[in-house]
Amino acid sequence: MVRLITPLRMHYEDSYAKAFPFDKLVEGMLNPRMIEDTVNMMLEAIKKEKKVAITINNRAGGNGPLIAQQIAKRFLDLYG
């Protein structure tokens, strides 16, 4: 299980206020390493023939579905 929620060293209230109304990615909020780390965990799960579930909260960078698209694109760029 991978959970992408509040950025490191950012309080819940601050991340909520910065991301609201959750309709776009917020510049400087989403750590690019989060994308890479998630893709690497996905690859490891595949290699080990395990399932992986990824939960993405809007507070991770402004908009969960857009973050998911970035993860999918990066995964396909590297391994597709």
PDB file of N, CA and C in Angstrom:
ATOM      1  N   MET A   1       0.847  -1.175   0.000  1.00  0.00           N
ATOM      2  CA  MET A   1       0.000   0.000   0.000  1.00  0.00           C
ATOM      3  C   MET A   1       0.890   1.235   0.000  1.00  0.00           C
ATOM      4  N   VAL A   2       0.657   2.118  -0.925  1.00  0.00           N
ATOM      5  CA  VAL A   2       1.375   3.390  -1.003  1.00  0.00           C
ATOM      6  C   VAL A   2       0.353   4.494  -0.786  1.00  0.00           C
ATOM      7  N   ARG A   3       0.621   5.380   0.168  1.00  0.00           N
ATOM      8  CA  ARG A   3      -0.277   6.518   0.422  1.00  0.00           C
ATOM      9  C   ARG A   3       0.479   7.812   0.192  1.00  0.00           C
ATOM     10  N   LEU A   4       0.015   8.586  -0.749  1.00  0.00           N
ATOM     11  CA  LEU A   4       0.585   9.910  -1.006  1.00  0.00           C
ATOM     12  C   LEU A   4      -0.383  10.923  -0.419  1.00  0.00           C
ATOM     13  N   ILE A   5       0.055  11.579   0.645  1.00  0.00           N
ATOM     14  CA  ILE A   5      -0.847  12.524   1.313  1.00  0.00           C
ATOM     15  C   ILE A   5      -0.148  13.861   1.493  1.00  0.00           C
ATOM     16  N   THR A   6      -0.042  14.333   2.691  1.00  0.00           N
ATOM     17  CA  THR A   6       0.524  15.653   2.966  1.00  0.00           C
ATOM     18  C   THR A   6       2.030  15.651   2.702  1.00  0.00           C
ATOM     19  N   PRO A   7       2.558  16.667   2.004  1.00  0.00           N
ATOM     20  CA  PRO A   7       4.005  16.726   1.761  1.00  0.00           C
ATOM     21  C   PRO A   7       4.805  16.744   3.072  1.00  0.00           C
ATOM     22  N   LEU A   8       6.035  16.244   2.974  1.00  0.00           N
ATOM     23  CA  LEU A   8       6.920  16.239   4.139  1.00  0.00           C
ATOM     24  C   LEU A   8       7.064  17.635   4.740  1.00  0.00           C
ATOM     25  N   ARG A   9       7.089  17.659   6.047  1.00  0.00           N
ATOM     26  CA  ARG A   9       7.296  18.898   6.812  1.00  0.00           C
ATOM     27  C   ARG A   9       6.237  19.971   6.532  1.00  0.00           C
ATOM     28  N   MET A  10       5.045  19.540   6.130  1.00  0.00           N
ATOM     29  CA  MET A  10       3.945  20.478   5.928  1.00  0.00           C
ATOM     30  C   MET A  10       2.767  20.004   6.772  1.00  0.00           C
ATOM     31  N   HIS A  11       2.202  20.879   7.553  1.00  0.00           N
ATOM     32  CA  HIS A  11       1.057  20.532   8.388  1.00  0.00           C
ATOM     33  C   HIS A  11      -0.184  20.315   7.525  1.00  0.00           C
ATOM     34  N   TYR A  12      -1.063  19.474   8.033  1.00  0.00           N
ATOM     35  CA  TYR A  12      -2.312  19.159   7.334  1.00  0.00           C
ATOM     36  C   TYR A  12      -3.054  20.433   6.937  1.00  0.00           C
ATOM     37  N   GLU A  13      -3.233  21.332   7.889  1.00  0.00           N
ATOM     38  CA  GLU A  13      -4.004  22.556   7.626  1.00  0.00           C
ATOM     39  C   GLU A  13      -3.355  23.393   6.525  1.00  0.00           C
ATOM     40  N   ASP A  14      -2.025  23.463   6.533  1.00  0.00           N
ATOM     41  CA  ASP A  14      -1.318  24.245   5.513  1.00  0.00           C
ATOM     42  C   ASP A  14      -1.456  23.602   4.131  1.00  0.00           C
ATOM     43  N   SER A  15      -1.344  22.283   4.084  1.00  0.00           N
ATOM     44  CA  SER A  15      -1.465  21.605   2.794  1.00  0.00           C
ATOM     45  C   SER A  15      -2.885  21.734   2.245  1.00  0.00           C
ATOM     46  N   TYR A  16      -3.857  21.644   3.119  1.00  0.00           N
ATOM     47  CA  TYR A  16      -5.249  21.794   2.693  1.00  0.00           C
ATOM     48  C   TYR A  16      -5.470  23.191   2.112  1.00  0.00           C
ATOM     49  N   ALA A  17      -5.028  24.204   2.854  1.00  0.00           N
ATOM     50  CA  ALA A  17      -5.226  25.588   2.412  1.00  0.00           C
ATOM     51  C   ALA A  17      -4.507  25.862   1.090  1.00  0.00           C
ATOM     52  N   LYS A  18      -3.326  25.304   0.941  1.00  0.00           N
ATOM     53  CA  LYS A  18      -2.553  25.536  -0.275  1.00  0.00           C
ATOM     54  C   LYS A  18      -3.170  24.821  -1.481  1.00  0.00           C
ATOM     55  N   ALA A  19      -3.714  23.626  -1.264  1.00  0.00           N
ATOM     56  CA  ALA A  19      -4.247  22.824  -2.370  1.00  0.00           C
ATOM     57  C   ALA A  19      -5.687  23.183  -2.753  1.00  0.00           C
ATOM     58  N   PHE A  20      -6.467  23.687  -1.810  1.00  0.00           N
ATOM     59  CA  PHE A  20      -7.875  24.001  -2.063  1.00  0.00           C
ATOM     60  C   PHE A  20      -7.997  24.993  -3.201  1.00  0.00           C
ATOM     61  N   PRO A  21      -8.882  24.814  -4.162  1.00  0.00           N
ATOM     62  CA  PRO A  21     -10.021  23.890  -4.240  1.00  0.00           C
ATOM     63  C   PRO A  21      -9.717  22.569  -4.951  1.00  0.00           C
ATOM     64  N   PHE A  22      -8.474  22.152  -4.981  1.00  0.00           N
ATOM     65  CA  PHE A  22      -8.076  20.825  -5.475  1.00  0.00           C
ATOM     66  C   PHE A  22      -8.365  20.628  -6.960  1.00  0.00           C
ATOM     67  N   ASP A  23      -8.249  21.688  -7.739  1.00  0.00           N
ATOM     68  CA  ASP A  23      -8.580  21.602  -9.162  1.00  0.00           C
ATOM     69  C   ASP A  23      -7.367  21.674 -10.087  1.00  0.00           C
ATOM     70  N   LYS A  24      -6.153  21.732  -9.501  1.00  0.00           N
ATOM     71  CA  LYS A  24      -4.931  21.808 -10.317  1.00  0.00           C
ATOM     72  C   LYS A  24      -3.743  21.399  -9.448  1.00  0.00           C
ATOM     73  N   LEU A  25      -2.629  21.119 -10.105  1.00  0.00           N
ATOM     74  CA  LEU A  25      -1.400  20.888  -9.359  1.00  0.00           C
ATOM     75  C   LEU A  25      -0.891  22.235  -8.860  1.00  0.00           C
ATOM     76  N   VAL A  26      -0.381  22.259  -7.658  1.00  0.00           N
ATOM     77  CA  VAL A  26       0.109  23.498  -7.051  1.00  0.00           C
ATOM     78  C   VAL A  26       1.629  23.509  -7.158  1.00  0.00           C
ATOM     79  N   GLU A  27       2.141  24.524  -7.826  1.00  0.00           N
ATOM     80  CA  GLU A  27       3.581  24.635  -8.028  1.00  0.00           C
ATOM     81  C   GLU A  27       4.328  24.614  -6.694  1.00  0.00           C
ATOM     82  N   GLY A  28       5.374  23.814  -6.635  1.00  0.00           N
ATOM     83  CA  GLY A  28       6.196  23.729  -5.446  1.00  0.00           C
ATOM     84  C   GLY A  28       5.651  22.822  -4.354  1.00  0.00           C
ATOM     85  N   MET A  29       4.475  22.291  -4.546  1.00  0.00           N
ATOM     86  CA  MET A  29       3.872  21.452  -3.513  1.00  0.00           C
ATOM     87  C   MET A  29       4.199  19.970  -3.725  1.00  0.00           C
ATOM     88  N   LEU A  30       4.152  19.517  -4.947  1.00  0.00           N
ATOM     89  CA  LEU A  30       4.396  18.110  -5.271  1.00  0.00           C
ATOM     90  C   LEU A  30       5.894  17.878  -5.436  1.00  0.00           C
ATOM     91  N   ASN A  31       6.438  17.019  -4.603  1.00  0.00           N
ATOM     92  CA  ASN A  31       7.850  16.677  -4.678  1.00  0.00           C
ATOM     93  C   ASN A  31       8.042  15.678  -5.825  1.00  0.00           C
ATOM     94  N   PRO A  32       8.871  16.013  -6.837  1.00  0.00           N
ATOM     95  CA  PRO A  32       9.075  15.094  -7.966  1.00  0.00           C
ATOM     96  C   PRO A  32       9.583  13.727  -7.524  1.00  0.00           C
ATOM     97  N   ARG A  33      10.288  13.674  -6.420  1.00  0.00           N
ATOM     98  CA  ARG A  33      10.780  12.393  -5.903  1.00  0.00           C
ATOM     99  C   ARG A  33       9.617  11.463  -5.546  1.00  0.00           C
ATOM    100  N   MET A  34       8.486  12.051  -5.159  1.00  0.00           N
ATOM    101  CA  MET A  34       7.308  11.255  -4.825  1.00  0.00           C
ATOM    102  C   MET A  34       6.869  10.437  -6.040  1.00  0.00           C
ATOM    103  N   ILE A  35       6.945  11.020  -7.213  1.00  0.00           N
ATOM    104  CA  ILE A  35       6.577  10.327  -8.448  1.00  0.00           C
ATOM    105  C   ILE A  35       7.555   9.181  -8.699  1.00  0.00           C
ATOM    106  N   GLU A  36       8.846   9.500  -8.643  1.00  0.00           N
ATOM    107  CA  GLU A  36       9.879   8.492  -8.893  1.00  0.00           C
ATOM    108  C   GLU A  36       9.811   7.344  -7.889  1.00  0.00           C
ATOM    109  N   ASP A  37       9.668   7.668  -6.614  1.00  0.00           N
ATOM    110  CA  ASP A  37       9.607   6.630  -5.581  1.00  0.00           C
ATOM    111  C   ASP A  37       8.396   5.723  -5.786  1.00  0.00           C
ATOM    112  N   THR A  38       7.274   6.315  -6.151  1.00  0.00           N
ATOM    113  CA  THR A  38       6.062   5.524  -6.383  1.00  0.00           C
ATOM    114  C   THR A  38       6.240   4.588  -7.567  1.00  0.00           C
ATOM    115  N   VAL A  39       6.810   5.099  -8.644  1.00  0.00           N
ATOM    116  CA  VAL A  39       7.062   4.272  -9.824  1.00  0.00           C
ATOM    117  C   VAL A  39       8.023   3.132  -9.473  1.00  0.00           C
ATOM    118  N   ASN A  40       9.051   3.425  -8.698  1.00  0.00           N
ATOM    119  CA  ASN A  40       9.995   2.379  -8.302  1.00  0.00           C
ATOM    120  C   ASN A  40       9.330   1.313  -7.443  1.00  0.00           C
ATOM    121  N   MET A  41       8.439   1.719  -6.552  1.00  0.00           N
ATOM    122  CA  MET A  41       7.715   0.741  -5.736  1.00  0.00           C
ATOM    123  C   MET A  41       6.794  -0.114  -6.609  1.00  0.00           C
ATOM    124  N   MET A  42       6.188   0.499  -7.611  1.00  0.00           N
ATOM    125  CA  MET A  42       5.339  -0.257  -8.533  1.00  0.00           C
ATOM    126  C   MET A  42       6.165  -1.322  -9.262  1.00  0.00           C
ATOM    127  N   LEU A  43       7.332  -0.928  -9.733  1.00  0.00           N
ATOM    128  CA  LEU A  43       8.194  -1.866 -10.450  1.00  0.00           C
ATOM    129  C   LEU A  43       8.615  -3.020  -9.547  1.00  0.00           C
ATOM    130  N   GLU A  44       8.987  -2.729  -8.315  1.00  0.00           N
ATOM    131  CA  GLU A  44       9.380  -3.782  -7.373  1.00  0.00           C
ATOM    132  C   GLU A  44       8.224  -4.753  -7.125  1.00  0.00           C
ATOM    133  N   ALA A  45       7.037  -4.220  -6.989  1.00  0.00           N
ATOM    134  CA  ALA A  45       5.870  -5.083  -6.780  1.00  0.00           C
ATOM    135  C   ALA A  45       5.655  -6.000  -7.980  1.00  0.00           C
ATOM    136  N   ILE A  46       5.811  -5.455  -9.159  1.00  0.00           N
ATOM    137  CA  ILE A  46       5.642  -6.258 -10.376  1.00  0.00           C
ATOM    138  C   ILE A  46       6.703  -7.353 -10.441  1.00  0.00           C
ATOM    139  N   LYS A  47       7.947  -6.992 -10.147  1.00  0.00           N
ATOM    140  CA  LYS A  47       9.036  -7.976 -10.170  1.00  0.00           C
ATOM    141  C   LYS A  47       8.780  -9.118  -9.192  1.00  0.00           C
ATOM    142  N   LYS A  48       8.188  -8.791  -8.064  1.00  0.00           N
ATOM    143  CA  LYS A  48       7.926  -9.795  -7.036  1.00  0.00           C
ATOM    144  C   LYS A  48       6.545 -10.441  -7.179  1.00  0.00           C
ATOM    145  N   GLU A  49       5.877 -10.092  -8.277  1.00  0.00           N
ATOM    146  CA  GLU A  49       4.540 -10.602  -8.561  1.00  0.00           C
ATOM    147  C   GLU A  49       3.567 -10.327  -7.420  1.00  0.00           C
ATOM    148  N   LYS A  50       3.631  -9.109  -6.909  1.00  0.00           N
ATOM    149  CA  LYS A  50       2.756  -8.660  -5.830  1.00  0.00           C
ATOM    150  C   LYS A  50       1.835  -7.571  -6.362  1.00  0.00           C
ATOM    151  N   LYS A  51       0.739  -7.419  -5.693  1.00  0.00           N
ATOM    152  CA  LYS A  51      -0.181  -6.319  -6.018  1.00  0.00           C
ATOM    153  C   LYS A  51       0.230  -5.104  -5.220  1.00  0.00           C
ATOM    154  N   VAL A  52      -0.019  -3.948  -5.784  1.00  0.00           N
ATOM    155  CA  VAL A  52       0.244  -2.699  -5.075  1.00  0.00           C
ATOM    156  C   VAL A  52      -0.984  -1.809  -5.219  1.00  0.00           C
ATOM    157  N   ALA A  53      -1.356  -1.170  -4.135  1.00  0.00           N
ATOM    158  CA  ALA A  53      -2.459  -0.204  -4.151  1.00  0.00           C
ATOM    159  C   ALA A  53      -1.872   1.161  -3.853  1.00  0.00           C
ATOM    160  N   ILE A  54      -2.281   2.139  -4.620  1.00  0.00           N
ATOM    161  CA  ILE A  54      -1.770   3.503  -4.441  1.00  0.00           C
ATOM    162  C   ILE A  54      -2.951   4.417  -4.157  1.00  0.00           C
ATOM    163  N   THR A  55      -2.886   5.095  -3.035  1.00  0.00           N
ATOM    164  CA  THR A  55      -3.905   6.070  -2.656  1.00  0.00           C
ATOM    165  C   THR A  55      -3.271   7.449  -2.748  1.00  0.00           C
ATOM    166  N   ILE A  56      -3.913   8.331  -3.495  1.00  0.00           N
ATOM    167  CA  ILE A  56      -3.358   9.671  -3.699  1.00  0.00           C
ATOM    168  C   ILE A  56      -4.363  10.697  -3.198  1.00  0.00           C
ATOM    169  N   ASN A  57      -3.932  11.474  -2.230  1.00  0.00           N
ATOM    170  CA  ASN A  57      -4.775  12.526  -1.683  1.00  0.00           C
ATOM    171  C   ASN A  57      -4.506  13.835  -2.423  1.00  0.00           C
ATOM    172  N   ASN A  58      -5.538  14.639  -2.584  1.00  0.00           N
ATOM    173  CA  ASN A  58      -5.371  15.949  -3.218  1.00  0.00           C
ATOM    174  C   ASN A  58      -4.303  16.787  -2.528  1.00  0.00           C
ATOM    175  N   ARG A  59      -4.140  16.606  -1.227  1.00  0.00           N
ATOM    176  CA  ARG A  59      -3.178  17.411  -0.471  1.00  0.00           C
ATOM    177  C   ARG A  59      -1.722  17.081  -0.814  1.00  0.00           C
ATOM    178  N   ALA A  60      -1.493  15.992  -1.545  1.00  0.00           N
ATOM    179  CA  ALA A  60      -0.125  15.621  -1.919  1.00  0.00           C
ATOM    180  C   ALA A  60       0.469  16.603  -2.920  1.00  0.00           C
ATOM    181  N   GLY A  61      -0.376  17.312  -3.631  1.00  0.00           N
ATOM    182  CA  GLY A  61       0.148  18.243  -4.626  1.00  0.00           C
ATOM    183  C   GLY A  61      -0.910  19.105  -5.279  1.00  0.00           C
ATOM    184  N   GLY A  62      -2.144  18.987  -4.831  1.00  0.00           N
ATOM    185  CA  GLY A  62      -3.191  19.842  -5.355  1.00  0.00           C
ATOM    186  C   GLY A  62      -4.354  19.117  -5.998  1.00  0.00           C
ATOM    187  N   ASN A  63      -4.067  17.987  -6.696  1.00  0.00           N
ATOM    188  CA  ASN A  63      -5.136  17.269  -7.384  1.00  0.00           C
ATOM    189  C   ASN A  63      -4.713  15.811  -7.582  1.00  0.00           C
ATOM    190  N   GLY A  64      -5.357  14.910  -6.868  1.00  0.00           N
ATOM    191  CA  GLY A  64      -5.008  13.500  -6.907  1.00  0.00           C
ATOM    192  C   GLY A  64      -5.035  12.882  -8.299  1.00  0.00           C
ATOM    193  N   PRO A  65      -6.083  13.093  -9.100  1.00  0.00           N
ATOM    194  CA  PRO A  65      -6.112  12.497 -10.436  1.00  0.00           C
ATOM    195  C   PRO A  65      -4.966  12.986 -11.338  1.00  0.00           C
ATOM    196  N   LEU A  66      -4.582  14.243 -11.214  1.00  0.00           N
ATOM    197  CA  LEU A  66      -3.463  14.744 -12.020  1.00  0.00           C
ATOM    198  C   LEU A  66      -2.133  14.149 -11.560  1.00  0.00           C
ATOM    199  N   ILE A  67      -2.003  13.904 -10.267  1.00  0.00           N
ATOM    200  CA  ILE A  67      -0.800  13.239  -9.752  1.00  0.00           C
ATOM    201  C   ILE A  67      -0.757  11.808 -10.284  1.00  0.00           C
ATOM    202  N   ALA A  68      -1.897  11.132 -10.280  1.00  0.00           N
ATOM    203  CA  ALA A  68      -1.970   9.765 -10.809  1.00  0.00           C
ATOM    204  C   ALA A  68      -1.562   9.726 -12.281  1.00  0.00           C
ATOM    205  N   GLN A  69      -1.967  10.712 -13.043  1.00  0.00           N
ATOM    206  CA  GLN A  69      -1.576  10.783 -14.451  1.00  0.00           C
ATOM    207  C   GLN A  69      -0.069  10.925 -14.592  1.00  0.00           C
ATOM    208  N   GLN A  70       0.556  11.726 -13.733  1.00  0.00           N
ATOM    209  CA  GLN A  70       2.013  11.881 -13.787  1.00  0.00           C
ATOM    210  C   GLN A  70       2.714  10.568 -13.456  1.00  0.00           C
ATOM    211  N   ILE A  71       2.203   9.863 -12.459  1.00  0.00           N
ATOM    212  CA  ILE A  71       2.785   8.568 -12.092  1.00  0.00           C
ATOM    213  C   ILE A  71       2.654   7.584 -13.256  1.00  0.00           C
ATOM    214  N   ALA A  72       1.481   7.512 -13.846  1.00  0.00           N
ATOM    215  CA  ALA A  72       1.249   6.592 -14.967  1.00  0.00           C
ATOM    216  C   ALA A  72       2.147   6.938 -16.153  1.00  0.00           C
ATOM    217  N   LYS A  73       2.258   8.216 -16.459  1.00  0.00           N
ATOM    218  CA  LYS A  73       3.099   8.637 -17.585  1.00  0.00           C
ATOM    219  C   LYS A  73       4.549   8.274 -17.339  1.00  0.00           C
ATOM    220  N   ARG A  74       5.041   8.538 -16.143  1.00  0.00           N
ATOM    221  CA  ARG A  74       6.433   8.219 -15.826  1.00  0.00           C
ATOM    222  C   ARG A  74       6.669   6.712 -15.899  1.00  0.00           C
ATOM    223  N   PHE A  75       5.752   5.939 -15.371  1.00  0.00           N
ATOM    224  CA  PHE A  75       5.866   4.489 -15.418  1.00  0.00           C
ATOM    225  C   PHE A  75       5.931   4.003 -16.867  1.00  0.00           C
ATOM    226  N   LEU A  76       5.044   4.510 -17.698  1.00  0.00           N
ATOM    227  CA  LEU A  76       5.033   4.091 -19.112  1.00  0.00           C
ATOM    228  C   LEU A  76       6.261   4.579 -19.860  1.00  0.00           C
ATOM    229  N   ASP A  77       6.742   5.784 -19.526  1.00  0.00           N
ATOM    230  CA  ASP A  77       7.971   6.296 -20.158  1.00  0.00           C
ATOM    231  C   ASP A  77       9.162   5.376 -19.872  1.00  0.00           C
ATOM    232  N   LEU A  78       9.220   4.869 -18.660  1.00  0.00           N
ATOM    233  CA  LEU A  78      10.362   4.044 -18.262  1.00  0.00           C
ATOM    234  C   LEU A  78      10.215   2.564 -18.607  1.00  0.00           C
ATOM    235  N   TYR A  79       8.990   2.040 -18.471  1.00  0.00           N
ATOM    236  CA  TYR A  79       8.816   0.602 -18.547  1.00  0.00           C
ATOM    237  C   TYR A  79       7.747   0.139 -19.529  1.00  0.00           C
ATOM    238  N   GLY A  80       7.151   1.084 -20.254  1.00  0.00           N
ATOM    239  CA  GLY A  80       6.033   0.729 -21.116  1.00  0.00           C
ATOM    240  C   GLY A  80       6.394   0.224 -22.472  1.00  0.00           C
TER     241      GLY A  80
END
